[in-house]
C-alpha atoms as a PDB file:
ATOM      1  CA  GLU A   1      59.860 210.021-113.469  1.00  0.00           C
ATOM      2  CA  ALA A   2      62.291 209.054-116.227  1.00  0.00           C
ATOM      3  CA  SER A   3      64.123 212.357-115.884  1.00  0.00           C
ATOM      4  CA  ASP A   4      64.264 211.949-112.093  1.00  0.00           C
ATOM      5  CA  VAL A   5      65.812 208.512-112.575  1.00  0.00           C
ATOM      6  CA  ASP A   6      68.442 209.906-114.974  1.00  0.00           C
ATOM      7  CA  VAL A   7      69.278 212.746-112.595  1.00  0.00           C
ATOM      8  CA  LEU A   8      69.699 210.375-109.653  1.00  0.00           C
ATOM      9  CA  ARG A   9      71.749 207.969-111.752  1.00  0.00           C
ATOM     10  CA  LEU A  10      74.181 210.734-112.685  1.00  0.00           C
ATOM     11  CA  GLN A  11      74.381 211.801-109.043  1.00  0.00           C
ATOM     12  CA  LEU A  12      75.098 208.216-107.956  1.00  0.00           C
ATOM     13  CA  GLU A  13      77.962 208.103-110.437  1.00  0.00           C
ATOM     14  CA  GLY A  14      79.384 211.279-108.862  1.00  0.00           C
ATOM     15  CA  ASN A  15      81.311 211.855-105.665  1.00  0.00           C
ATOM     16  CA  SER A  16      78.454 211.767-103.123  1.00  0.00           C
ATOM     17  CA  PRO A  17      76.233 208.739-103.867  1.00  0.00           C
ATOM     18  CA  THR A  18      75.115 208.260-100.255  1.00  0.00           C
ATOM     19  CA  GLU A  19      74.065 211.883 -99.916  1.00  0.00           C
ATOM     20  CA  SER A  20      72.191 211.686-103.233  1.00  0.00           C
ATOM     21  CA  VAL A  21      70.193 208.681-102.081  1.00  0.00           C
ATOM     22  CA  SER A  22      69.361 210.291 -98.741  1.00  0.00           C
ATOM     23  CA  ARG A  23      67.835 213.267-100.574  1.00  0.00           C
ATOM     24  CA  CYS A  24      65.574 211.114-102.756  1.00  0.00           C
ATOM     25  CA  TYR A  25      62.200 210.328-101.179  1.00  0.00           C
ATOM     26  CA  ASP A  26      60.590 208.635-104.196  1.00  0.00           C
ATOM     27  CA  ALA A  27      60.749 204.868-103.704  1.00  0.00           C
ATOM     28  CA  HIS A  28      59.915 204.248-107.367  1.00  0.00           C
ATOM     29  CA  VAL A  29      62.888 206.329-108.531  1.00  0.00           C
ATOM     30  CA  LEU A  30      65.227 204.530-106.140  1.00  0.00           C
ATOM     31  CA  ALA A  31      63.903 201.099-107.160  1.00  0.00           C
ATOM     32  CA  THR A  32      64.240 201.903-110.864  1.00  0.00           C
ATOM     33  CA  CYS A  33      67.845 203.022-110.390  1.00  0.00           C
ATOM     34  CA  LEU A  34      68.635 199.815-108.510  1.00  0.00           C
ATOM     35  CA  LYS A  35      67.112 197.614-111.215  1.00  0.00           C
ATOM     36  CA  LYS A  36      68.823 199.538-114.004  1.00  0.00           C
ATOM     37  CA  PHE A  37      72.176 199.186-112.274  1.00  0.00           C
ATOM     38  CA  TYR A  38      71.957 195.393-112.261  1.00  0.00           C
ATOM     39  CA  CYS A  39      70.353 195.230-115.690  1.00  0.00           C
ATOM     40  CA  ARG A  40      73.202 197.225-117.270  1.00  0.00           C
ATOM     41  CA  LEU A  41      76.027 195.152-115.829  1.00  0.00           C
ATOM     42  CA  PRO A  42      78.202 193.612-118.604  1.00  0.00           C
ATOM     43  CA  GLU A  43      77.651 190.214-116.957  1.00  0.00           C
ATOM     44  CA  PRO A  44      74.527 189.393-114.902  1.00  0.00           C
ATOM     45  CA  LEU A  45      74.772 189.153-111.132  1.00  0.00           C
ATOM     46  CA  LEU A  46      73.865 185.460-111.420  1.00  0.00           C
ATOM     47  CA  PRO A  47      76.151 184.441-114.314  1.00  0.00           C
ATOM     48  CA  THR A  48      74.770 182.953-117.512  1.00  0.00           C
ATOM     49  CA  GLU A  49      76.594 179.707-116.707  1.00  0.00           C
ATOM     50  CA  VAL A  50      74.170 178.972-113.848  1.00  0.00           C
ATOM     51  CA  TYR A  51      71.001 179.854-115.814  1.00  0.00           C
ATOM     52  CA  ASP A  52      70.020 176.283-116.737  1.00  0.00           C
ATOM     53  CA  ARG A  53      70.655 175.005-113.217  1.00  0.00           C
ATOM     54  CA  LEU A  54      68.514 177.760-111.734  1.00  0.00           C
ATOM     55  CA  VAL A  55      65.690 176.654-114.028  1.00  0.00           C
ATOM     56  CA  ASP A  56      66.148 173.006-113.026  1.00  0.00           C
ATOM     57  CA  ILE A  57      66.203 173.834-109.306  1.00  0.00           C
ATOM     58  CA  GLY A  58      63.145 176.066-109.648  1.00  0.00           C
ATOM     59  CA  ASN A  59      61.266 173.301-111.417  1.00  0.00           C
ATOM     60  CA  CYS A  60      62.050 170.978-108.507  1.00  0.00           C
ATOM     61  CA  LEU A  61      60.652 173.385-105.914  1.00  0.00           C
ATOM     62  CA  THR A  62      57.061 172.651-104.936  1.00  0.00           C
ATOM     63  CA  GLY A  63      54.290 175.184-104.506  1.00  0.00           C
ATOM     64  CA  ASP A  64      53.683 178.485-106.245  1.00  0.00           C
ATOM     65  CA  GLU A  65      54.195 182.137-105.431  1.00  0.00           C
ATOM     66  CA  GLY A  66      56.669 181.511-102.660  1.00  0.00           C
ATOM     67  CA  GLU A  67      54.765 178.749-100.892  1.00  0.00           C
ATOM     68  CA  ARG A  68      57.082 176.000 -99.738  1.00  0.00           C
ATOM     69  CA  ASP A  69      57.059 172.434 -98.495  1.00  0.00           C
ATOM     70  CA  ASP A  70      60.379 172.109 -96.697  1.00  0.00           C
ATOM     71  CA  GLY A  71      59.967 168.360 -96.397  1.00  0.00           C
ATOM     72  CA  LYS A  72      59.797 167.946-100.163  1.00  0.00           C
ATOM     73  CA  ASP A  73      62.198 170.732-101.089  1.00  0.00           C
ATOM     74  CA  THR A  74      65.242 169.644 -99.077  1.00  0.00           C
ATOM     75  CA  ALA A  75      67.225 168.367-102.079  1.00  0.00           C
ATOM     76  CA  ALA A  76      66.447 171.388-104.255  1.00  0.00           C
ATOM     77  CA  THR A  77      67.343 173.740-101.396  1.00  0.00           C
ATOM     78  CA  LEU A  78      70.722 172.046-100.946  1.00  0.00           C
ATOM     79  CA  GLN A  79      71.376 172.220-104.685  1.00  0.00           C
ATOM     80  CA  LEU A  80      70.638 175.943-104.687  1.00  0.00           C
ATOM     81  CA  LYS A  81      73.039 176.484-101.763  1.00  0.00           C
ATOM     82  CA  GLN A  82      75.755 174.589-103.600  1.00  0.00           C
ATOM     83  CA  LEU A  83      75.127 176.478-106.817  1.00  0.00           C
ATOM     84  CA  LEU A  84      75.469 179.825-105.042  1.00  0.00           C
ATOM     85  CA  ALA A  85      78.721 178.590-103.480  1.00  0.00           C
ATOM     86  CA  LEU A  86      80.195 178.373-106.994  1.00  0.00           C
ATOM     87  CA  LEU A  87      79.836 182.115-107.595  1.00  0.00           C
ATOM     88  CA  PRO A  88      82.894 184.409-107.533  1.00  0.00           C
ATOM     89  CA  ARG A  89      83.363 186.262-104.251  1.00  0.00           C
ATOM     90  CA  VAL A  90      82.280 189.640-105.668  1.00  0.00           C
ATOM     91  CA  ASN A  91      79.008 188.110-106.868  1.00  0.00           C
ATOM     92  CA  VAL A  92      78.401 186.422-103.519  1.00  0.00           C
ATOM     93  CA  THR A  93      78.866 189.739-101.706  1.00  0.00           C
ATOM     94  CA  ASN A  94      76.425 191.512-104.013  1.00  0.00           C
ATOM     95  CA  VAL A  95      73.855 188.709-103.925  1.00  0.00           C
ATOM     96  CA  LEU A  96      73.943 188.673-100.119  1.00  0.00           C
ATOM     97  CA  GLU A  97      73.507 192.446 -99.865  1.00  0.00           C
ATOM     98  CA  LEU A  98      70.780 192.698-102.503  1.00  0.00           C
ATOM     99  CA  PHE A  99      68.705 189.752-101.342  1.00  0.00           C
ATOM    100  CA  THR A 100      69.030 190.692 -97.673  1.00  0.00           C
ATOM    101  CA  PHE A 101      67.651 194.107 -98.617  1.00  0.00           C
ATOM    102  CA  LEU A 102      64.826 192.512-100.634  1.00  0.00           C
ATOM    103  CA  SER A 103      64.077 190.276 -97.666  1.00  0.00           C
ATOM    104  CA  GLU A 104      63.569 193.379 -95.525  1.00  0.00           C
ATOM    105  CA  VAL A 105      61.339 194.931 -98.211  1.00  0.00           C
ATOM    106  CA  ALA A 106      59.238 191.746 -98.310  1.00  0.00           C
ATOM    107  CA  LYS A 107      58.520 192.128 -94.596  1.00  0.00           C
ATOM    108  CA  LEU A 108      56.621 195.318 -95.458  1.00  0.00           C
ATOM    109  CA  GLU A 109      54.253 193.485 -97.799  1.00  0.00           C
ATOM    110  CA  SER A 110      51.149 194.733 -95.965  1.00  0.00           C
ATOM    111  CA  THR A 111      52.170 198.295 -96.890  1.00  0.00           C
ATOM    112  CA  THR A 112      53.961 197.866-100.218  1.00  0.00           C
ATOM    113  CA  ARG A 113      51.969 194.929-101.639  1.00  0.00           C
ATOM    114  CA  MET A 114      55.326 193.474-102.683  1.00  0.00           C
ATOM    115  CA  SER A 115      55.740 189.943-101.394  1.00  0.00           C
ATOM    116  CA  ALA A 116      58.936 187.918-101.732  1.00  0.00           C
ATOM    117  CA  TRP A 117      57.357 186.267-104.777  1.00  0.00           C
ATOM    118  CA  ASN A 118      56.502 189.598-106.417  1.00  0.00           C
ATOM    119  CA  LEU A 119      60.004 190.901-105.776  1.00  0.00           C
ATOM    120  CA  ALA A 120      61.503 187.754-107.274  1.00  0.00           C
ATOM    121  CA  LEU A 121      59.455 188.159-110.453  1.00  0.00           C
ATOM    122  CA  VAL A 122      60.458 191.812-110.749  1.00  0.00           C
ATOM    123  CA  PHE A 123      64.182 191.110-110.336  1.00  0.00           C
ATOM    124  CA  VAL A 124      64.494 187.997-112.525  1.00  0.00           C
ATOM    125  CA  PRO A 125      65.157 189.947-115.769  1.00  0.00           C
ATOM    126  CA  ASN A 126      67.587 192.258-113.965  1.00  0.00           C
ATOM    127  CA  VAL A 127      69.896 189.724-112.303  1.00  0.00           C
ATOM    128  CA  VAL A 128      69.598 186.650-114.547  1.00  0.00           C
ATOM    129  CA  ARG A 129      70.168 186.375-118.291  1.00  0.00           C
ATOM    130  CA  ALA A 130      70.054 183.411-120.631  1.00  0.00           C
ATOM    131  CA  GLY A 131      72.560 182.786-123.377  1.00  0.00           C
ATOM    132  CA  ALA A 132      72.105 184.628-126.661  1.00  0.00           C
ATOM    133  CA  ASP A 133      70.990 181.443-128.425  1.00  0.00           C
ATOM    134  CA  LEU A 134      67.917 180.885-126.210  1.00  0.00           C
ATOM    135  CA  PRO A 135      64.664 181.966-127.930  1.00  0.00           C
ATOM    136  CA  ALA A 136      62.766 184.780-126.230  1.00  0.00           C
ATOM    137  CA  GLU A 137      59.705 182.594-125.684  1.00  0.00           C
ATOM    138  CA  SER A 138      61.809 179.990-123.868  1.00  0.00           C
ATOM    139  CA  GLU A 139      63.354 182.652-121.640  1.00  0.00           C
ATOM    140  CA  LEU A 140      59.873 183.927-120.823  1.00  0.00           C
ATOM    141  CA  ALA A 141      58.759 180.404-119.878  1.00  0.00           C
ATOM    142  CA  ASP A 142      61.807 180.077-117.615  1.00  0.00           C
ATOM    143  CA  MET A 143      60.871 183.141-115.542  1.00  0.00           C
ATOM    144  CA  ASN A 144      58.517 181.235-113.246  1.00  0.00           C
ATOM    145  CA  PRO A 145      60.969 178.496-112.124  1.00  0.00           C
ATOM    146  CA  ILE A 146      63.807 181.019-111.786  1.00  0.00           C
ATOM    147  CA  ALA A 147      61.525 183.249-109.705  1.00  0.00           C
ATOM    148  CA  LYS A 148      60.860 180.261-107.418  1.00  0.00           C
ATOM    149  CA  ALA A 149      64.603 179.929-106.795  1.00  0.00           C
ATOM    150  CA  LEU A 150      65.080 183.677-106.274  1.00  0.00           C
ATOM    151  CA  CYS A 151      62.066 183.791-103.965  1.00  0.00           C
ATOM    152  CA  LEU A 152      63.699 181.169-101.751  1.00  0.00           C
ATOM    153  CA  ILE A 153      66.863 183.303-101.565  1.00  0.00           C
ATOM    154  CA  ILE A 154      64.800 186.379-100.661  1.00  0.00           C
ATOM    155  CA  GLN A 155      62.980 184.453 -97.918  1.00  0.00           C
ATOM    156  CA  ARG A 156      66.215 183.011 -96.451  1.00  0.00           C
ATOM    157  CA  PRO A 157      69.196 185.024 -97.738  1.00  0.00           C
ATOM    158  CA  LYS A 158      71.719 184.182 -95.025  1.00  0.00           C
ATOM    159  CA  GLU A 159      70.782 180.495 -94.959  1.00  0.00           C
ATOM    160  CA  MET A 160      70.855 180.103 -98.749  1.00  0.00           C
ATOM    161  CA  LEU A 161      74.241 181.830 -98.976  1.00  0.00           C
ATOM    162  CA  SER A 162      75.771 180.109 -95.945  1.00  0.00           C
ATOM    163  CA  LEU A 163      77.936 177.791 -98.053  1.00  0.00           C
ATOM    164  CA  ALA A 164      78.901 180.607-100.404  1.00  0.00           C
ATOM    165  CA  VAL A 165      79.998 182.873 -97.543  1.00  0.00           C
ATOM    166  CA  SER A 166      81.975 180.194 -95.714  1.00  0.00           C
ATOM    167  CA  GLU A 167      83.311 178.144 -98.606  1.00  0.00           C
ATOM    168  CA  GLY A 168      82.723 180.104-101.794  1.00  0.00           C
ATOM    169  CA  SER A 169      85.247 181.159-104.388  1.00  0.00           C
ATOM    170  CA  ASP A 170      87.957 183.315-102.815  1.00  0.00           C
ATOM    171  CA  ASP A 171      89.232 185.251-105.835  1.00  0.00           C
ATOM    172  CA  SER A 172      91.646 187.895-104.620  1.00  0.00           C
ATOM    173  CA  ASP A 173      90.712 190.417-107.318  1.00  0.00           C
ATOM    174  CA  GLY A 174      86.998 189.589-107.259  1.00  0.00           C
ATOM    175  CA  ASP A 175      86.860 189.615-111.072  1.00  0.00           C
ATOM    176  CA  ALA A 176      87.795 186.043-111.923  1.00  0.00           C
ATOM    177  CA  PRO A 177      85.221 184.181-114.020  1.00  0.00           C
ATOM    178  CA  LEU A 178      82.874 181.647-112.504  1.00  0.00           C
ATOM    179  CA  ARG A 179      84.742 178.408-111.934  1.00  0.00           C
ATOM    180  CA  LEU A 180      81.906 176.172-113.081  1.00  0.00           C
ATOM    181  CA  PRO A 181      83.638 173.147-114.627  1.00  0.00           C
ATOM    182  CA  SER A 182      82.572 172.196-118.121  1.00  0.00           C
ATOM    183  CA  PRO A 183      81.668 168.535-118.689  1.00  0.00           C
ATOM    184  CA  LEU A 184      84.638 167.869-120.962  1.00  0.00           C
ATOM    185  CA  GLU A 185      86.462 164.630-121.486  1.00  0.00           C
ATOM    186  CA  PRO A 186      89.416 164.380-119.035  1.00  0.00           C
ATOM    187  CA  THR A 187      92.947 165.008-120.235  1.00  0.00           C
ATOM    188  CA  ARG A 188      95.341 162.155-120.827  1.00  0.00           C
ATOM    189  CA  SER A 189      97.154 162.866-117.534  1.00  0.00           C
ATOM    190  CA  GLU A 190      93.873 162.819-115.597  1.00  0.00           C
ATOM    191  CA  SER A 191      92.767 159.566-117.211  1.00  0.00           C
ATOM    192  CA  SER A 192      95.987 157.872-116.148  1.00  0.00           C
ATOM    193  CA  ALA A 193      95.488 158.899-112.531  1.00  0.00           C
ATOM    194  CA  VAL A 194      93.535 155.749-111.772  1.00  0.00           C
ATOM    195  CA  SER A 195      93.891 152.167-112.918  1.00  0.00           C
ATOM    196  CA  ALA A 196      92.271 150.578-115.976  1.00  0.00           C
ATOM    197  CA  PRO A 197      88.484 150.125-115.843  1.00  0.00           C
ATOM    198  CA  ASP A 198      86.953 147.073-114.280  1.00  0.00           C
ATOM    199  CA  ARG A 199      84.417 146.083-116.929  1.00  0.00           C
ATOM    200  CA  GLY A 200      82.418 144.127-114.381  1.00  0.00           C
ATOM    201  CA  ARG A 201      81.355 147.287-112.577  1.00  0.00           C
ATOM    202  CA  ALA A 202      78.236 149.222-113.540  1.00  0.00           C
ATOM    203  CA  ALA A 203      79.671 152.621-112.600  1.00  0.00           C
ATOM    204  CA  PRO A 204      82.254 154.333-114.867  1.00  0.00           C
ATOM    205  CA  LEU A 205      85.826 154.433-113.628  1.00  0.00           C
ATOM    206  CA  ASN A 206      86.757 158.114-113.423  1.00  0.00           C
ATOM    207  CA  TRP A 207      84.640 160.565-111.447  1.00  0.00           C
ATOM    208  CA  TRP A 208      84.962 164.245-110.592  1.00  0.00           C
ATOM    209  CA  TYR A 209      83.039 166.090-107.898  1.00  0.00           C
ATOM    210  CA  LEU A 210      82.526 169.654-106.655  1.00  0.00           C
ATOM    211  CA  GLN A 211      83.608 170.559-103.156  1.00  0.00           C
ATOM    212  CA  ALA A 212      83.452 174.141-101.842  1.00  0.00           C
ATOM    213  CA  GLY A 213      83.126 175.364-105.414  1.00  0.00           C
ATOM    214  CA  GLN A 214      86.254 173.500-106.595  1.00  0.00           C
ATOM    215  CA  GLN A 215      86.485 170.642-109.072  1.00  0.00           C
ATOM    216  CA  MET A 216      88.078 167.595-107.441  1.00  0.00           C
ATOM    217  CA  GLY A 217      89.196 164.312-108.994  1.00  0.00           C
ATOM    218  CA  PRO A 218      89.503 162.072-110.795  1.00  0.00           C
ATOM    219  CA  VAL A 219      88.674 159.372-108.252  1.00  0.00           C
ATOM    220  CA  PRO A 220      87.266 155.864-108.643  1.00  0.00           C
ATOM    221  CA  ALA A 221      83.573 155.286-107.927  1.00  0.00           C
ATOM    222  CA  SER A 222      84.371 153.440-104.687  1.00  0.00           C
ATOM    223  CA  GLN A 223      86.221 156.474-103.316  1.00  0.00           C
ATOM    224  CA  LEU A 224      83.308 158.735-104.233  1.00  0.00           C
ATOM    225  CA  VAL A 225      81.004 156.486-102.215  1.00  0.00           C
ATOM    226  CA  SER A 226      83.459 156.640 -99.290  1.00  0.00           C
ATOM    227  CA  LEU A 227      83.413 160.443 -99.451  1.00  0.00           C
ATOM    228  CA  LEU A 228      79.636 160.287 -99.258  1.00  0.00           C
ATOM    229  CA  ASP A 229      79.759 157.910 -96.271  1.00  0.00           C
ATOM    230  CA  THR A 230      82.149 160.183 -94.359  1.00  0.00           C
ATOM    231  CA  GLY A 231      80.090 163.304 -95.063  1.00  0.00           C
ATOM    232  CA  THR A 232      82.784 164.967 -97.185  1.00  0.00           C
ATOM    233  CA  ILE A 233      80.185 165.288 -99.926  1.00  0.00           C
ATOM    234  CA  SER A 234      76.409 164.836 -99.854  1.00  0.00           C
ATOM    235  CA  THR A 235      73.769 163.477-102.210  1.00  0.00           C
ATOM    236  CA  ALA A 236      73.231 167.092-103.304  1.00  0.00           C
ATOM    237  CA  SER A 237      76.873 167.400-104.449  1.00  0.00           C
ATOM    238  CA  TYR A 238      77.416 167.615-108.198  1.00  0.00           C
ATOM    239  CA  VAL A 239      79.412 164.808-109.823  1.00  0.00           C
ATOM    240  CA  TYR A 240      80.613 164.092-113.340  1.00  0.00           C
ATOM    241  CA  CYS A 241      81.958 160.985-115.056  1.00  0.00           C
ATOM    242  CA  GLU A 242      83.657 160.287-118.364  1.00  0.00           C
ATOM    243  CA  GLY A 243      81.242 160.525-121.264  1.00  0.00           C
ATOM    244  CA  ALA A 244      78.529 162.373-119.343  1.00  0.00           C
ATOM    245  CA  LEU A 245      76.839 165.379-120.931  1.00  0.00           C
ATOM    246  CA  GLU A 246      76.614 167.455-117.754  1.00  0.00           C
ATOM    247  CA  TRP A 247      77.242 167.622-114.036  1.00  0.00           C
ATOM    248  CA  THR A 248      74.523 165.878-112.019  1.00  0.00           C
ATOM    249  CA  PRO A 249      73.526 165.832-108.322  1.00  0.00           C
ATOM    250  CA  LEU A 250      74.793 162.593-106.806  1.00  0.00           C
ATOM    251  CA  ALA A 251      71.261 161.792-105.632  1.00  0.00           C
ATOM    252  CA  GLN A 252      70.289 161.261-109.282  1.00  0.00           C
ATOM    253  CA  VAL A 253      73.129 158.839-110.092  1.00  0.00           C
ATOM    254  CA  GLN A 254      71.806 155.378-109.310  1.00  0.00           C
ATOM    255  CA  GLN A 255      75.071 153.787-110.493  1.00  0.00           C
ATOM    256  CA  LEU A 256      76.804 155.243-107.452  1.00  0.00           C
ATOM    257  CA  LEU A 257      74.010 154.881-104.930  1.00  0.00           C
ATOM    258  CA  SER A 258      73.748 151.154-105.699  1.00  0.00           C
ATOM    259  CA  LEU A 259      77.417 150.495-104.952  1.00  0.00           C
ATOM    260  CA  PRO A 260      78.151 148.789-101.591  1.00  0.00           C
END
């Protein structure tokens, strides 16, 4: 089978990839070529920058092996949609195509014995990679929560990528890096954009938020609450304040939720 895979791979890199695929009737050879393609990409389909957030979202999803409680998973589902909306356009296109295909494969579970959960487990190491500094045992432990997130995308590809398709990054060349803002201290010009801090308030002065994959701000806490009230952002939107270590879903920031 290895030689068949190599032969097909060389054919796919030639001038008639569609014809080469149509002549291959071995599903295992085709599947292996598909996995190797994604595995050999210089950067993973789901960029390393989103690895930790995929783990966090997966850990928030209830149930195992693709089982889901929509009532309890609403927040995690929204976070996953927003995370996918941060991907560059070329990644969004590929994720939509791949996971729509896997969704169709999952419908044949009675014949293939490959459920959405099984497919997610198989594709985790091919489309997601941790940073080089993460120990192998930690990456292995992360496979289950990441598979939960991927399984949700396989089960509902168009829904999960709805924000990404309508509002995602619109890089003209398709090769721009992921615009996932780093939680760095604001520049001097940004810090001067709003007035001096009111030390009587519990919430920090300067806040940034993500909207349609773009970093917005700085704005005062009161304006962030107004954006939430008007529906411009939601409790699933990621926010960041001065001195914070990372971006956090607004739903987890009690300082803001307690403001009038």
